[in-house]
């Protein structure tokens, strides 16, 4: 499938993903017609992620992989954390990822261009910076300053539409300045519920979606990064059985029109249908 739509696997719920394992949701993504998945390092239950096996499974399903790591490129002292990034880059390579996504962190006012150029040149895939939900990595001014100063180094931006709400900034103002750097879009909005911000789907027909995507080239990769509704977990043992069924079924049933079934259907056709609905909506943006 080449529709440009990825699924950030956190969208299926952190507890569910840690219990079943991310490969089970490769199967859901493939059945729903996504082009790829965004693997989340923070959701691995094992100390050593099975990245080579996940890469092979993704290739079998025809899914591209992107690797998201909760890591700040610059430490609290402003220094570039090159050694740690190199470790995550090796993991991205094992996964066969075409992108490694991290946060900006505490970038200095004047980036160390020489160090960054050397670092980027040694990476196995493209490096993307995401506007996160922190003051240091999620505000327009420092992100724009960094990206404009390093524009020739091919460091791209993951533009998370909803995260601007967490830092009190306006996504429309942000896309107007950052559009030349955007390589990937996290599609979510934000709403206030019980006094706190929560992630919600980005409505394709909304003025916000129109403002963001009209500023970007057609076909730019975009990801579902909002919660996809799913049944509650019954038991870890039961869910692991379902995960095994999903993975086994995916080997022979991973077309966009296919269904992956289990007798108990804890994770199955309803979730695939809901996921396919969101995939189709984002494919049209």
Foldseek 3Di string as FASTA:
>chain_A
DQLLEEAAQCQAPLVLCLLQPCLLVLLLCLLLPGQAYEYEPVSHNDPDDPQLVLLVLCVLSNHAYEYEYADAQAEPVQDGPLVVVVVVLVSCVSNNHQEYEYFHYQHDLQHPQVVLLVSQVPGPHAYEHEQALDPRGNDQVVVLSVCVNNVVSRHAYAYEQASNVSVPHHSLVNCVRRQVRHQEYEAWHWDADPRDIATHGRQCPDPSVCSNPVSYDPSRRYYHDHHQDAADDDDSVVSNVVSVQSSVQSSPARHNNGWRDDPVPSPTDVSSVSSSVSSVSVSVD
